[in-house]
Amino acid sequence: MTPFFRLAAPALALSLLSGCVLGGNAVLYPLETPTGTETAQRRLYVSSIEVRDVLVPAYAEDSQMQYRGPDGGLVPLPDAQWAAPTGAAITAELARALDLASTASVAAEPWPLSDRAAVQLQVRIDRLILNHDGRFEMGGQFAVASVDEVVREFIDRFEITSVVAEMPASPSALAAAYGDALAQLRDRILTRLSR
C-alpha cells in the first residue's frame, strides 16, 4: 500500500459513508410553522411554559421523508430528508411558535432559568402520517402539569387533519402539511391555556 493510499483511504471511506447516511443527493427540509399565521399575542393565565421533549411514533422519527402508500406501507420520498430528527424539530418549533404567539415566556427543555417554569407542557403524538389520498393526520395528547399547582393540571386529546392536493406529495408539500398541523396544535394549546 502506497503512502498516498494510506492517507487517502480514510477520507474516501468517510466520503462514501456520508453519501450513504445522507442518501447521496438528499435535500434537507426544516419543519417550520407557516409565517404569518400568528395573530396578536394571546394573553395566557400562566407566565412561563417549559415544553418537554415531544414524543412521536418510531416511524415518524426516521429522517427520511415518507408517506403511507395504498397498501399501507411507508413509501420514502426520493432524495428528501428532514433537517433534524422529527421529535426534536417539533419540540423546538412548537416552543418557538408558542413563545411568539403568547404573553408567556416559552422554552424547550431543559428550562434555562433558575426559577422553574409555571407549567410544563408534554405532547405525545401517536399518529403523524400523510396518506396516499392526500389526507394528513396528526393525533395525540397534550398535557399541562404544574408542580407548584399554579394552574389546574389537564390532559387534552387532539386530532388534526388537513389535505395535501398534490399526490404523491413533493417534499415541500409534506413539510408544509407538518407546519400547518403544528400551527393548528399551537392554536389549540393557546386556546386551552387562555380559558
Protein backbone atom coordinates (compact mmCIF):
# COMPACT_ATOMS: atom_id res chain seq x y z
CA MET A 1 0.00 0.00 0.00
CA THR A 2 1.46 3.36 -1.04
CA PRO A 3 1.75 6.21 1.48
CA PHE A 4 -0.72 8.25 -0.59
CA PHE A 5 -3.34 5.47 -0.49
CA ARG A 6 -2.87 5.08 3.28
CA LEU A 7 -3.66 8.76 3.72
CA ALA A 8 -6.45 8.90 1.13
CA ALA A 9 -8.28 5.68 2.14
CA PRO A 10 -9.84 7.05 5.37
CA ALA A 11 -11.04 10.20 3.59
CA LEU A 12 -12.51 8.12 0.75
CA ALA A 13 -14.25 5.79 3.21
CA LEU A 14 -15.69 8.75 5.14
CA SER A 15 -16.92 10.33 1.92
CA LEU A 16 -18.64 7.11 0.82
CA LEU A 17 -20.15 6.60 4.27
CA SER A 18 -21.55 10.14 4.43
CA GLY A 19 -23.09 9.62 0.99
CA CYS A 20 -24.88 6.52 2.29
CA VAL A 21 -26.01 8.16 5.52
CA LEU A 22 -27.30 11.31 3.83
CA GLY A 23 -28.79 9.43 0.92
CA GLY A 24 -26.42 10.81 -1.73
CA ASN A 25 -28.05 13.97 -3.06
CA ALA A 26 -30.70 14.27 -0.34
CA VAL A 27 -32.16 17.71 0.23
CA LEU A 28 -32.83 18.58 3.87
CA TYR A 29 -36.18 20.17 4.78
CA PRO A 30 -36.78 22.05 8.06
CA LEU A 31 -40.01 21.69 9.99
CA GLU A 32 -41.49 25.18 10.42
CA THR A 33 -44.89 26.68 11.17
CA PRO A 34 -46.05 28.92 8.33
CA THR A 35 -45.11 32.57 8.69
CA GLY A 36 -47.96 35.00 9.06
CA THR A 37 -50.20 32.52 10.94
CA GLU A 38 -49.64 34.25 14.27
CA THR A 39 -52.27 36.72 15.37
CA ALA A 40 -51.84 39.25 18.17
CA GLN A 41 -50.17 37.69 21.19
CA ARG A 42 -52.67 35.69 23.23
CA ARG A 43 -52.85 36.58 26.92
CA LEU A 44 -52.35 33.39 28.94
CA TYR A 45 -53.02 32.76 32.61
CA VAL A 46 -49.50 31.35 33.04
CA SER A 47 -46.30 33.36 32.84
CA SER A 48 -43.92 30.64 31.65
CA ILE A 49 -44.07 27.26 29.88
CA GLU A 50 -41.43 24.56 29.60
CA VAL A 51 -42.04 22.39 26.53
CA ARG A 52 -40.92 18.85 27.31
CA ASP A 53 -39.43 16.68 24.53
CA VAL A 54 -42.24 15.80 22.13
CA LEU A 55 -42.76 12.05 21.71
CA VAL A 56 -43.55 10.76 18.22
CA PRO A 57 -44.09 7.23 16.82
CA ALA A 58 -40.91 5.37 15.83
CA TYR A 59 -41.81 5.53 12.12
CA ALA A 60 -42.00 9.33 12.32
CA GLU A 61 -38.50 9.64 13.82
CA ASP A 62 -36.91 8.41 10.59
CA SER A 63 -35.06 11.27 8.89
CA GLN A 64 -36.28 10.01 5.51
CA MET A 65 -39.46 11.85 4.47
CA GLN A 66 -42.24 9.37 3.72
CA TYR A 67 -45.96 8.83 3.18
CA ARG A 68 -48.31 5.85 3.50
CA GLY A 69 -48.89 4.10 0.17
CA PRO A 70 -52.14 2.45 -0.99
CA ASP A 71 -51.08 -0.89 0.55
CA GLY A 72 -50.47 0.72 3.97
CA GLY A 73 -46.67 0.58 3.75
CA LEU A 74 -44.46 3.62 4.20
CA VAL A 75 -43.07 4.97 0.92
CA PRO A 76 -39.94 7.17 1.04
CA LEU A 77 -39.82 10.42 -0.91
CA PRO A 78 -36.68 10.16 -3.06
CA ASP A 79 -33.72 12.31 -2.00
CA ALA A 80 -35.71 14.15 0.70
CA GLN A 81 -34.89 14.13 4.40
CA TRP A 82 -35.87 16.12 7.46
CA ALA A 83 -33.18 18.58 8.57
CA ALA A 84 -33.46 17.39 12.20
CA PRO A 85 -34.96 14.39 14.00
CA THR A 86 -38.74 14.85 13.93
CA GLY A 87 -39.34 14.82 17.70
CA ALA A 88 -36.58 17.36 18.34
CA ALA A 89 -37.73 19.57 15.45
CA ILE A 90 -41.36 19.55 16.64
CA THR A 91 -40.26 20.38 20.21
CA ALA A 92 -38.13 23.34 19.11
CA GLU A 93 -40.67 24.69 16.62
CA LEU A 94 -43.63 24.30 18.99
CA ALA A 95 -41.73 26.17 21.74
CA ARG A 96 -40.84 28.95 19.29
CA ALA A 97 -44.40 29.20 17.95
CA LEU A 98 -45.95 29.31 21.44
CA ASP A 99 -43.43 31.92 22.58
CA LEU A 100 -44.12 34.21 19.60
CA ALA A 101 -47.90 33.86 19.81
CA SER A 102 -48.43 34.30 23.56
CA THR A 103 -47.59 36.52 26.52
CA ALA A 104 -45.84 33.62 28.29
CA SER A 105 -42.10 33.01 28.20
CA VAL A 106 -41.69 29.63 26.48
CA ALA A 107 -38.62 27.43 26.07
CA ALA A 108 -37.92 23.80 25.26
CA GLU A 109 -36.43 21.63 27.98
CA PRO A 110 -34.13 21.90 29.79
CA TRP A 111 -35.62 25.08 31.29
CA PRO A 112 -32.89 27.76 31.05
CA LEU A 113 -33.76 29.87 34.11
CA SER A 114 -33.07 29.27 37.80
CA ASP A 115 -36.77 29.62 38.76
CA ARG A 116 -38.74 26.76 37.26
CA ALA A 117 -41.46 27.39 34.68
CA ALA A 118 -45.02 27.88 35.92
CA VAL A 119 -46.13 24.84 33.89
CA GLN A 120 -44.69 22.02 31.84
CA LEU A 121 -46.24 21.07 28.50
CA GLN A 122 -45.92 17.45 27.37
CA VAL A 123 -47.03 16.50 23.84
CA ARG A 124 -47.36 12.85 22.83
CA ILE A 125 -48.11 12.28 19.17
CA ASP A 126 -49.42 8.81 18.33
CA ARG A 127 -50.27 9.42 14.66
CA LEU A 128 -48.25 11.57 12.26
CA ILE A 129 -48.76 10.43 8.69
CA LEU A 130 -49.56 11.58 5.18
CA ASN A 131 -51.88 9.07 3.48
CA HIS A 132 -51.73 8.19 -0.23
CA ASP A 133 -55.07 10.01 -0.79
CA GLY A 134 -53.56 13.31 0.43
CA ARG A 135 -55.09 13.24 3.93
CA PHE A 136 -52.54 14.37 6.52
CA GLU A 137 -53.21 13.22 10.10
CA MET A 138 -51.65 14.27 13.37
CA GLY A 139 -53.19 12.96 16.58
CA GLY A 140 -52.24 12.51 20.20
CA GLN A 141 -52.47 14.22 23.56
CA PHE A 142 -51.06 17.29 25.23
CA ALA A 143 -50.84 17.66 28.98
CA VAL A 144 -50.11 20.62 31.21
CA ALA A 145 -48.51 19.85 34.57
CA SER A 146 -47.92 22.34 37.36
CA VAL A 147 -45.62 21.15 40.15
CA ASP A 148 -46.37 24.25 42.24
CA GLU A 149 -50.11 23.96 41.48
CA VAL A 150 -50.13 27.33 39.73
CA VAL A 151 -52.91 26.00 37.46
CA ARG A 152 -55.21 23.02 37.40
CA GLU A 153 -53.48 20.20 35.50
CA PHE A 154 -55.17 18.67 32.47
CA ILE A 155 -54.81 16.31 29.50
CA ASP A 156 -56.48 17.05 26.15
CA ARG A 157 -56.67 14.82 23.09
CA PHE A 158 -56.20 16.38 19.65
CA GLU A 159 -56.96 15.16 16.14
CA ILE A 160 -55.74 17.38 13.32
CA THR A 161 -56.35 16.62 9.65
CA SER A 162 -55.61 18.54 6.50
CA VAL A 163 -55.42 17.80 2.80
CA VAL A 164 -52.38 17.85 0.51
CA ALA A 165 -53.68 18.35 -3.03
CA GLU A 166 -50.56 17.17 -4.84
CA MET A 167 -50.03 13.40 -4.56
CA PRO A 168 -47.59 11.80 -4.50
CA ALA A 169 -46.54 14.73 -2.35
CA SER A 170 -43.47 16.77 -3.03
CA PRO A 171 -41.12 17.17 -0.06
CA SER A 172 -42.08 20.86 0.25
CA ALA A 173 -45.81 19.94 0.30
CA LEU A 174 -45.16 17.38 3.05
CA ALA A 175 -43.11 19.91 5.07
CA ALA A 176 -45.93 22.45 4.64
CA ALA A 177 -48.51 19.90 5.89
CA TYR A 178 -46.40 19.25 9.01
CA GLY A 179 -46.03 23.01 9.58
CA ASP A 180 -49.76 23.67 9.15
CA ALA A 181 -50.64 20.88 11.60
CA LEU A 182 -48.16 22.26 14.11
CA ALA A 183 -49.71 25.74 13.79
CA GLN A 184 -53.15 24.22 14.50
CA LEU A 185 -51.75 22.40 17.55
CA ARG A 186 -50.19 25.65 18.77
CA ASP A 187 -53.57 27.39 18.48
CA ARG A 188 -55.36 24.60 20.40
CA ILE A 189 -52.83 24.75 23.21
CA LEU A 190 -53.10 28.56 23.40
CA THR A 191 -56.90 28.38 23.47
CA ARG A 192 -56.79 25.87 26.31
CA LEU A 193 -54.29 27.97 28.31
CA SER A 194 -56.22 31.22 27.84
CA ARG A 195 -59.54 29.97 29.29
